[in-house]
Every structure is written in C-alpha cells, then in structure tokens.
Amino acid sequence: MSAATAASGVAVPRLQGLHRAEVLRHLLRLQPEDRRLRFGQAVRDDAVEGYVARIDFSHDRVFGILARDLELHGLAHLALDGEGRGAELGLSVDSHRRQHGYGAALLERAVLAAANLGCRSLYMHCLSENRVMLHLAVKAGLRVVVTSGEADARLALDRRRHGGAMREALEDQIALVDCLLKQQQAAWMPRAGRPLPLAPAAETGIS
C-alpha cells in the first residue's frame, strides 16, 4: 500500500467522462452552504450543470471517492492550465462523509498527479471562512495568503518530492481493486440507478 493510501486508508480512483452524471449528482447534492464554499459564491443548479458539462476529463484530472454503494461522496477536480505548468484544484466532500480523511486523500492524490504531469505549481482558491479547506491546505504544505475575505493557497511542486510514477501506478492499482470489491458488494445491495463503471485498465496506467 502506498504512503498516501496507507495514511488515509482511502482509495481514490481517477474518473472519466462516463462518470459525468455521477459528478453532477454529487455536486448538486451538496448543501447550499457547502456549495457556496466549494465554488466561492452561491451558485444555482444550472450553473453547476454548466460547470460539470465543461469539465474536460481527457485534459484535466478528476478523482473521486466511492462509498460501498458506489455513490460518489468525494470529488477533486484538478484543472490544468493550457501549458500544463500549473493546476488549480477544487475539492468537495458530502457533509455526512466528513471526518473520514476524504479531503486529505483527495488532496494528496491531486498533488501526486500534478507533480507527475510536470506541473510546477498547485493552486487552490477558497473563501477565508472555509476553515476545513485551509486546514487541509496548510497540512499538505501549501502556502496560504488571505486577503479581503478570500484565500489563495499555493504549492511549488517538485516531481522528485511530490511525484513518482511507481507510486501513482500503485495508487491506481489499489483504487481499481477497491472499485472491483465495491462493485461485487453493490451487486448484493438494492440500489437505484446503475453501478459506477470502472475506467479501463489502460486509463490507470496499468497494463
């Protein structure tokens, strides 16, 4: 088990375009205050729908955390800039799933991915009142600057320190096994809707 997964005990699979509906359902399920903190302002359902529709799963990196019923309860969107030198991260976790290390696991997975992609910096923007997010950022080593009620957090990335191809491959392997086990469990559980499909092994970097 990798250092990140061992520390949190949470598997974090990469999501693909076929998971767009699950991503939307997760974000729409957030409580109004949680949604405001996630996007930095109050946003209506149609704005959330537009945001999810614009996510480029092939260019950006999107990670999630699945419950035993395969419902998406945590989400990280790592948006890469045009040159791939920087990345902006947005995180969200269902309110009833907090205090389980989900936010830290998502942040650690995003840092690993950004470093391996060659990004030089990771950036997070949030409201200064979002104490949970600021705590996660500081704990992960991001430098936080608060001005006028808003906070910017940055981390200078070093591939040797924050990345590692073998480490990421192991993370993906663990996430794949975790998804397979949860799919088997879900087959015995009544659940509305379809199971969350797995990404092909090639997408995880595992042959």
C-alpha atoms as a PDB file:
ATOM      1  CA  MET A   1       0.000   0.000   0.000  1.00  0.00           C
ATOM      2  CA  SER A   2       1.314   3.462  -0.921  1.00  0.00           C
ATOM      3  CA  ALA A   3       2.228   6.070   1.655  1.00  0.00           C
ATOM      4  CA  ALA A   4      -0.738   8.280   0.768  1.00  0.00           C
ATOM      5  CA  THR A   5      -3.284   5.471   0.807  1.00  0.00           C
ATOM      6  CA  ALA A   6      -1.834   3.953   3.949  1.00  0.00           C
ATOM      7  CA  ALA A   7      -2.031   7.281   5.748  1.00  0.00           C
ATOM      8  CA  SER A   8      -5.678   7.887   4.863  1.00  0.00           C
ATOM      9  CA  GLY A   9      -6.975   4.356   4.340  1.00  0.00           C
ATOM     10  CA  VAL A  10      -8.995   5.740   1.412  1.00  0.00           C
ATOM     11  CA  ALA A  11      -8.723   4.615  -2.215  1.00  0.00           C
ATOM     12  CA  VAL A  12      -9.038   7.421  -4.772  1.00  0.00           C
ATOM     13  CA  PRO A  13      -9.767   6.317  -8.357  1.00  0.00           C
ATOM     14  CA  ARG A  14      -9.458   8.559 -11.388  1.00  0.00           C
ATOM     15  CA  LEU A  15     -12.804   9.358 -13.010  1.00  0.00           C
ATOM     16  CA  GLN A  16     -13.507   9.550 -16.740  1.00  0.00           C
ATOM     17  CA  GLY A  17     -16.070  11.252 -18.943  1.00  0.00           C
ATOM     18  CA  LEU A  18     -18.522   8.392 -18.454  1.00  0.00           C
ATOM     19  CA  HIS A  19     -18.725   9.464 -14.787  1.00  0.00           C
ATOM     20  CA  ARG A  20     -20.023  12.963 -15.615  1.00  0.00           C
ATOM     21  CA  ALA A  21     -23.542  12.182 -14.371  1.00  0.00           C
ATOM     22  CA  GLU A  22     -22.186  10.923 -11.039  1.00  0.00           C
ATOM     23  CA  VAL A  23     -20.043  14.056 -10.662  1.00  0.00           C
ATOM     24  CA  LEU A  24     -23.080  16.245 -11.290  1.00  0.00           C
ATOM     25  CA  ARG A  25     -25.212  14.295  -8.839  1.00  0.00           C
ATOM     26  CA  HIS A  26     -22.551  14.700  -6.142  1.00  0.00           C
ATOM     27  CA  LEU A  27     -22.233  18.474  -6.613  1.00  0.00           C
ATOM     28  CA  LEU A  28     -25.991  19.046  -6.751  1.00  0.00           C
ATOM     29  CA  ARG A  29     -26.349  17.044  -3.545  1.00  0.00           C
ATOM     30  CA  LEU A  30     -24.124  19.458  -1.592  1.00  0.00           C
ATOM     31  CA  GLN A  31     -25.925  21.585   0.968  1.00  0.00           C
ATOM     32  CA  PRO A  32     -26.326  25.273  -0.068  1.00  0.00           C
ATOM     33  CA  GLU A  33     -23.595  26.450   2.322  1.00  0.00           C
ATOM     34  CA  ASP A  34     -21.234  23.661   1.240  1.00  0.00           C
ATOM     35  CA  ARG A  35     -21.872  24.543  -2.397  1.00  0.00           C
ATOM     36  CA  ARG A  36     -21.105  28.198  -1.698  1.00  0.00           C
ATOM     37  CA  LEU A  37     -17.832  27.261  -0.031  1.00  0.00           C
ATOM     38  CA  ARG A  38     -16.920  24.905  -2.888  1.00  0.00           C
ATOM     39  CA  PHE A  39     -17.449  27.497  -5.632  1.00  0.00           C
ATOM     40  CA  GLY A  40     -16.639  30.631  -3.634  1.00  0.00           C
ATOM     41  CA  GLN A  41     -20.129  32.034  -4.107  1.00  0.00           C
ATOM     42  CA  ALA A  42     -23.754  30.974  -4.180  1.00  0.00           C
ATOM     43  CA  VAL A  43     -24.467  29.149  -7.442  1.00  0.00           C
ATOM     44  CA  ARG A  44     -27.696  27.839  -8.893  1.00  0.00           C
ATOM     45  CA  ASP A  45     -28.257  24.342 -10.190  1.00  0.00           C
ATOM     46  CA  ASP A  46     -27.917  25.428 -13.822  1.00  0.00           C
ATOM     47  CA  ALA A  47     -24.515  26.962 -13.076  1.00  0.00           C
ATOM     48  CA  VAL A  48     -23.346  23.691 -11.525  1.00  0.00           C
ATOM     49  CA  GLU A  49     -24.668  21.800 -14.538  1.00  0.00           C
ATOM     50  CA  GLY A  50     -22.736  24.130 -16.852  1.00  0.00           C
ATOM     51  CA  TYR A  51     -19.551  23.670 -14.828  1.00  0.00           C
ATOM     52  CA  VAL A  52     -19.765  19.881 -14.982  1.00  0.00           C
ATOM     53  CA  ALA A  53     -20.581  19.944 -18.705  1.00  0.00           C
ATOM     54  CA  ARG A  54     -17.370  21.902 -19.346  1.00  0.00           C
ATOM     55  CA  ILE A  55     -15.025  19.558 -17.464  1.00  0.00           C
ATOM     56  CA  ASP A  56     -12.511  18.119 -19.924  1.00  0.00           C
ATOM     57  CA  PHE A  57     -11.820  14.675 -18.486  1.00  0.00           C
ATOM     58  CA  SER A  58      -9.190  13.928 -21.123  1.00  0.00           C
ATOM     59  CA  HIS A  59      -7.146  17.070 -20.337  1.00  0.00           C
ATOM     60  CA  ASP A  60      -7.803  17.630 -16.635  1.00  0.00           C
ATOM     61  CA  ARG A  61      -7.642  15.064 -13.866  1.00  0.00           C
ATOM     62  CA  VAL A  62     -10.751  14.204 -11.871  1.00  0.00           C
ATOM     63  CA  PHE A  63     -10.664  11.915  -8.849  1.00  0.00           C
ATOM     64  CA  GLY A  64     -13.406  10.572  -6.630  1.00  0.00           C
ATOM     65  CA  ILE A  65     -14.134   8.560  -3.523  1.00  0.00           C
ATOM     66  CA  LEU A  66     -16.804   5.896  -3.701  1.00  0.00           C
ATOM     67  CA  ALA A  67     -18.937   4.623  -0.868  1.00  0.00           C
ATOM     68  CA  ARG A  68     -19.778   0.931  -0.568  1.00  0.00           C
ATOM     69  CA  ASP A  69     -22.926   1.513  -2.620  1.00  0.00           C
ATOM     70  CA  LEU A  70     -20.736   3.078  -5.372  1.00  0.00           C
ATOM     71  CA  GLU A  71     -22.216   6.526  -4.795  1.00  0.00           C
ATOM     72  CA  LEU A  72     -19.690   9.323  -5.282  1.00  0.00           C
ATOM     73  CA  HIS A  73     -19.100  11.073  -1.945  1.00  0.00           C
ATOM     74  CA  GLY A  74     -15.869  12.973  -2.565  1.00  0.00           C
ATOM     75  CA  LEU A  75     -14.556  14.792  -5.619  1.00  0.00           C
ATOM     76  CA  ALA A  76     -11.349  16.510  -6.704  1.00  0.00           C
ATOM     77  CA  HIS A  77     -11.100  18.427  -9.985  1.00  0.00           C
ATOM     78  CA  LEU A  78      -7.527  19.222 -10.997  1.00  0.00           C
ATOM     79  CA  ALA A  79      -7.829  21.769 -13.807  1.00  0.00           C
ATOM     80  CA  LEU A  80      -4.617  22.104 -15.830  1.00  0.00           C
ATOM     81  CA  ASP A  81      -3.621  25.351 -17.482  1.00  0.00           C
ATOM     82  CA  GLY A  82      -3.057  25.498 -21.220  1.00  0.00           C
ATOM     83  CA  GLU A  83       0.679  24.883 -20.989  1.00  0.00           C
ATOM     84  CA  GLY A  84       0.401  22.219 -18.305  1.00  0.00           C
ATOM     85  CA  ARG A  85       2.696  24.097 -15.950  1.00  0.00           C
ATOM     86  CA  GLY A  86       0.130  24.867 -13.290  1.00  0.00           C
ATOM     87  CA  ALA A  87      -3.021  23.300 -11.913  1.00  0.00           C
ATOM     88  CA  GLU A  88      -5.985  24.603  -9.928  1.00  0.00           C
ATOM     89  CA  LEU A  89      -7.684  22.242  -7.517  1.00  0.00           C
ATOM     90  CA  GLY A  90     -11.279  22.177  -6.316  1.00  0.00           C
ATOM     91  CA  LEU A  91     -12.444  19.744  -3.608  1.00  0.00           C
ATOM     92  CA  SER A  92     -15.806  18.705  -2.217  1.00  0.00           C
ATOM     93  CA  VAL A  93     -16.986  16.028   0.219  1.00  0.00           C
ATOM     94  CA  ASP A  94     -20.538  15.162   1.218  1.00  0.00           C
ATOM     95  CA  SER A  95     -21.269  16.596   4.668  1.00  0.00           C
ATOM     96  CA  HIS A  96     -22.245  13.212   6.154  1.00  0.00           C
ATOM     97  CA  ARG A  97     -18.992  11.658   4.917  1.00  0.00           C
ATOM     98  CA  ARG A  98     -16.582  14.060   6.564  1.00  0.00           C
ATOM     99  CA  GLN A  99     -14.137  13.225   9.334  1.00  0.00           C
ATOM    100  CA  HIS A 100     -13.064  10.148   7.378  1.00  0.00           C
ATOM    101  CA  GLY A 101      -9.925  11.578   5.776  1.00  0.00           C
ATOM    102  CA  TYR A 102     -11.594  12.029   2.381  1.00  0.00           C
ATOM    103  CA  GLY A 103     -10.435  15.612   1.853  1.00  0.00           C
ATOM    104  CA  ALA A 104      -6.826  14.804   2.726  1.00  0.00           C
ATOM    105  CA  ALA A 105      -6.829  11.727   0.482  1.00  0.00           C
ATOM    106  CA  LEU A 106      -8.195  13.708  -2.467  1.00  0.00           C
ATOM    107  CA  LEU A 107      -5.654  16.479  -1.959  1.00  0.00           C
ATOM    108  CA  GLU A 108      -2.753  14.032  -1.706  1.00  0.00           C
ATOM    109  CA  ARG A 109      -3.864  12.244  -4.881  1.00  0.00           C
ATOM    110  CA  ALA A 110      -4.164  15.531  -6.765  1.00  0.00           C
ATOM    111  CA  VAL A 111      -0.685  16.650  -5.681  1.00  0.00           C
ATOM    112  CA  LEU A 112       0.758  13.336  -6.870  1.00  0.00           C
ATOM    113  CA  ALA A 113      -0.951  13.611 -10.256  1.00  0.00           C
ATOM    114  CA  ALA A 114       0.037  17.241 -10.776  1.00  0.00           C
ATOM    115  CA  ALA A 115       3.674  16.539  -9.951  1.00  0.00           C
ATOM    116  CA  ASN A 116       3.841  13.562 -12.299  1.00  0.00           C
ATOM    117  CA  LEU A 117       2.287  15.633 -15.093  1.00  0.00           C
ATOM    118  CA  GLY A 118       5.155  18.082 -14.764  1.00  0.00           C
ATOM    119  CA  CYS A 119       3.176  20.930 -13.214  1.00  0.00           C
ATOM    120  CA  ARG A 120       5.346  23.423 -11.396  1.00  0.00           C
ATOM    121  CA  SER A 121       2.663  24.638  -9.015  1.00  0.00           C
ATOM    122  CA  LEU A 122      -0.666  23.677  -7.489  1.00  0.00           C
ATOM    123  CA  TYR A 123      -3.185  26.403  -6.709  1.00  0.00           C
ATOM    124  CA  MET A 124      -6.322  26.462  -4.583  1.00  0.00           C
ATOM    125  CA  HIS A 125      -8.704  29.380  -4.097  1.00  0.00           C
ATOM    126  CA  CYS A 126     -11.364  29.478  -1.405  1.00  0.00           C
ATOM    127  CA  LEU A 127     -13.164  31.780   0.986  1.00  0.00           C
ATOM    128  CA  SER A 128     -11.219  32.599   4.135  1.00  0.00           C
ATOM    129  CA  GLU A 129     -14.126  31.259   6.203  1.00  0.00           C
ATOM    130  CA  ASN A 130     -13.583  27.799   4.732  1.00  0.00           C
ATOM    131  CA  ARG A 131     -11.535  26.652   7.702  1.00  0.00           C
ATOM    132  CA  VAL A 132     -11.644  22.986   6.782  1.00  0.00           C
ATOM    133  CA  MET A 133     -10.097  23.623   3.373  1.00  0.00           C
ATOM    134  CA  LEU A 134      -7.486  25.977   4.780  1.00  0.00           C
ATOM    135  CA  HIS A 135      -6.536  23.395   7.399  1.00  0.00           C
ATOM    136  CA  LEU A 136      -6.085  20.742   4.705  1.00  0.00           C
ATOM    137  CA  ALA A 137      -4.016  23.106   2.579  1.00  0.00           C
ATOM    138  CA  VAL A 138      -1.661  24.056   5.409  1.00  0.00           C
ATOM    139  CA  LYS A 139      -1.304  20.438   6.499  1.00  0.00           C
ATOM    140  CA  ALA A 140      -0.354  19.475   2.934  1.00  0.00           C
ATOM    141  CA  GLY A 141       2.328  22.161   2.819  1.00  0.00           C
ATOM    142  CA  LEU A 142       0.571  24.792   0.731  1.00  0.00           C
ATOM    143  CA  ARG A 143       1.421  28.431   1.405  1.00  0.00           C
ATOM    144  CA  VAL A 144      -1.799  30.296   2.242  1.00  0.00           C
ATOM    145  CA  VAL A 145      -2.343  34.040   1.763  1.00  0.00           C
ATOM    146  CA  VAL A 146      -5.609  35.577   2.992  1.00  0.00           C
ATOM    147  CA  THR A 147      -6.827  38.932   1.639  1.00  0.00           C
ATOM    148  CA  SER A 148     -10.258  40.598   1.642  1.00  0.00           C
ATOM    149  CA  GLY A 149     -12.154  37.533   2.797  1.00  0.00           C
ATOM    150  CA  GLU A 150     -10.567  35.208   0.241  1.00  0.00           C
ATOM    151  CA  ALA A 151      -7.652  32.816   0.476  1.00  0.00           C
ATOM    152  CA  ASP A 152      -5.115  31.649  -2.075  1.00  0.00           C
ATOM    153  CA  ALA A 153      -3.056  28.552  -1.377  1.00  0.00           C
ATOM    154  CA  ARG A 154      -0.061  27.544  -3.497  1.00  0.00           C
ATOM    155  CA  LEU A 155       2.388  24.680  -3.520  1.00  0.00           C
ATOM    156  CA  ALA A 156       5.587  24.672  -5.560  1.00  0.00           C
ATOM    157  CA  LEU A 157       5.806  21.164  -6.971  1.00  0.00           C
ATOM    158  CA  ASP A 158       8.932  19.054  -7.229  1.00  0.00           C
ATOM    159  CA  ARG A 159       8.455  15.798  -9.113  1.00  0.00           C
ATOM    160  CA  ARG A 160      11.111  14.018  -7.050  1.00  0.00           C
ATOM    161  CA  ARG A 161       9.487  15.079  -3.782  1.00  0.00           C
ATOM    162  CA  HIS A 162       5.773  15.125  -4.624  1.00  0.00           C
ATOM    163  CA  GLY A 163       5.586  12.703  -7.549  1.00  0.00           C
ATOM    164  CA  GLY A 164       6.652   9.225  -8.544  1.00  0.00           C
ATOM    165  CA  ALA A 165       5.453   7.077 -11.444  1.00  0.00           C
ATOM    166  CA  MET A 166       5.569   3.842  -9.444  1.00  0.00           C
ATOM    167  CA  ARG A 167       3.729   5.443  -6.568  1.00  0.00           C
ATOM    168  CA  GLU A 168       0.957   6.660  -8.864  1.00  0.00           C
ATOM    169  CA  ALA A 169       0.702   3.277 -10.562  1.00  0.00           C
ATOM    170  CA  LEU A 170       0.288   1.677  -7.137  1.00  0.00           C
ATOM    171  CA  GLU A 171      -2.382   4.206  -6.180  1.00  0.00           C
ATOM    172  CA  ASP A 172      -4.274   3.361  -9.368  1.00  0.00           C
ATOM    173  CA  GLN A 173      -3.937  -0.360  -8.741  1.00  0.00           C
ATOM    174  CA  ILE A 174      -5.297  -0.021  -5.209  1.00  0.00           C
ATOM    175  CA  ALA A 175      -8.188   2.113  -6.456  1.00  0.00           C
ATOM    176  CA  LEU A 176      -9.012  -0.412  -9.172  1.00  0.00           C
ATOM    177  CA  VAL A 177      -9.126  -3.314  -6.711  1.00  0.00           C
ATOM    178  CA  ASP A 178     -11.209  -1.227  -4.310  1.00  0.00           C
ATOM    179  CA  CYS A 179     -13.727  -0.446  -7.073  1.00  0.00           C
ATOM    180  CA  LEU A 180     -13.959  -4.090  -8.074  1.00  0.00           C
ATOM    181  CA  LEU A 181     -14.657  -5.149  -4.500  1.00  0.00           C
ATOM    182  CA  LYS A 182     -17.306  -2.456  -4.095  1.00  0.00           C
ATOM    183  CA  GLN A 183     -18.944  -3.478  -7.349  1.00  0.00           C
ATOM    184  CA  GLN A 184     -19.208  -7.029  -6.065  1.00  0.00           C
ATOM    185  CA  GLN A 185     -20.687  -5.788  -2.787  1.00  0.00           C
ATOM    186  CA  ALA A 186     -23.102  -3.493  -4.612  1.00  0.00           C
ATOM    187  CA  ALA A 187     -24.364  -6.404  -6.697  1.00  0.00           C
ATOM    188  CA  TRP A 188     -25.880  -7.768  -3.483  1.00  0.00           C
ATOM    189  CA  MET A 189     -27.290  -4.422  -2.371  1.00  0.00           C
ATOM    190  CA  PRO A 190     -30.517  -2.809  -3.663  1.00  0.00           C
ATOM    191  CA  ARG A 191     -29.583   0.495  -5.302  1.00  0.00           C
ATOM    192  CA  ALA A 192     -31.403   2.859  -7.626  1.00  0.00           C
ATOM    193  CA  GLY A 193     -29.549   3.623 -10.859  1.00  0.00           C
ATOM    194  CA  ARG A 194     -26.649   1.844 -12.486  1.00  0.00           C
ATOM    195  CA  PRO A 195     -23.338   0.880 -10.883  1.00  0.00           C
ATOM    196  CA  LEU A 196     -20.471   3.286 -11.421  1.00  0.00           C
ATOM    197  CA  PRO A 197     -18.413   1.776 -14.280  1.00  0.00           C
ATOM    198  CA  LEU A 198     -14.689   1.329 -13.938  1.00  0.00           C
ATOM    199  CA  ALA A 199     -12.230   3.075 -16.204  1.00  0.00           C
ATOM    200  CA  PRO A 200     -10.306   0.711 -18.485  1.00  0.00           C
ATOM    201  CA  ALA A 201      -7.008  -0.510 -17.056  1.00  0.00           C
ATOM    202  CA  ALA A 202      -5.168   1.492 -19.722  1.00  0.00           C
ATOM    203  CA  GLU A 203      -6.569   4.680 -18.253  1.00  0.00           C
ATOM    204  CA  THR A 204      -4.993   3.915 -14.894  1.00  0.00           C
ATOM    205  CA  GLY A 205      -1.567   3.370 -16.370  1.00  0.00           C
ATOM    206  CA  ILE A 206      -1.719  -0.346 -15.583  1.00  0.00           C
ATOM    207  CA  SER A 207      -1.500  -2.899 -18.347  1.00  0.00           C
END
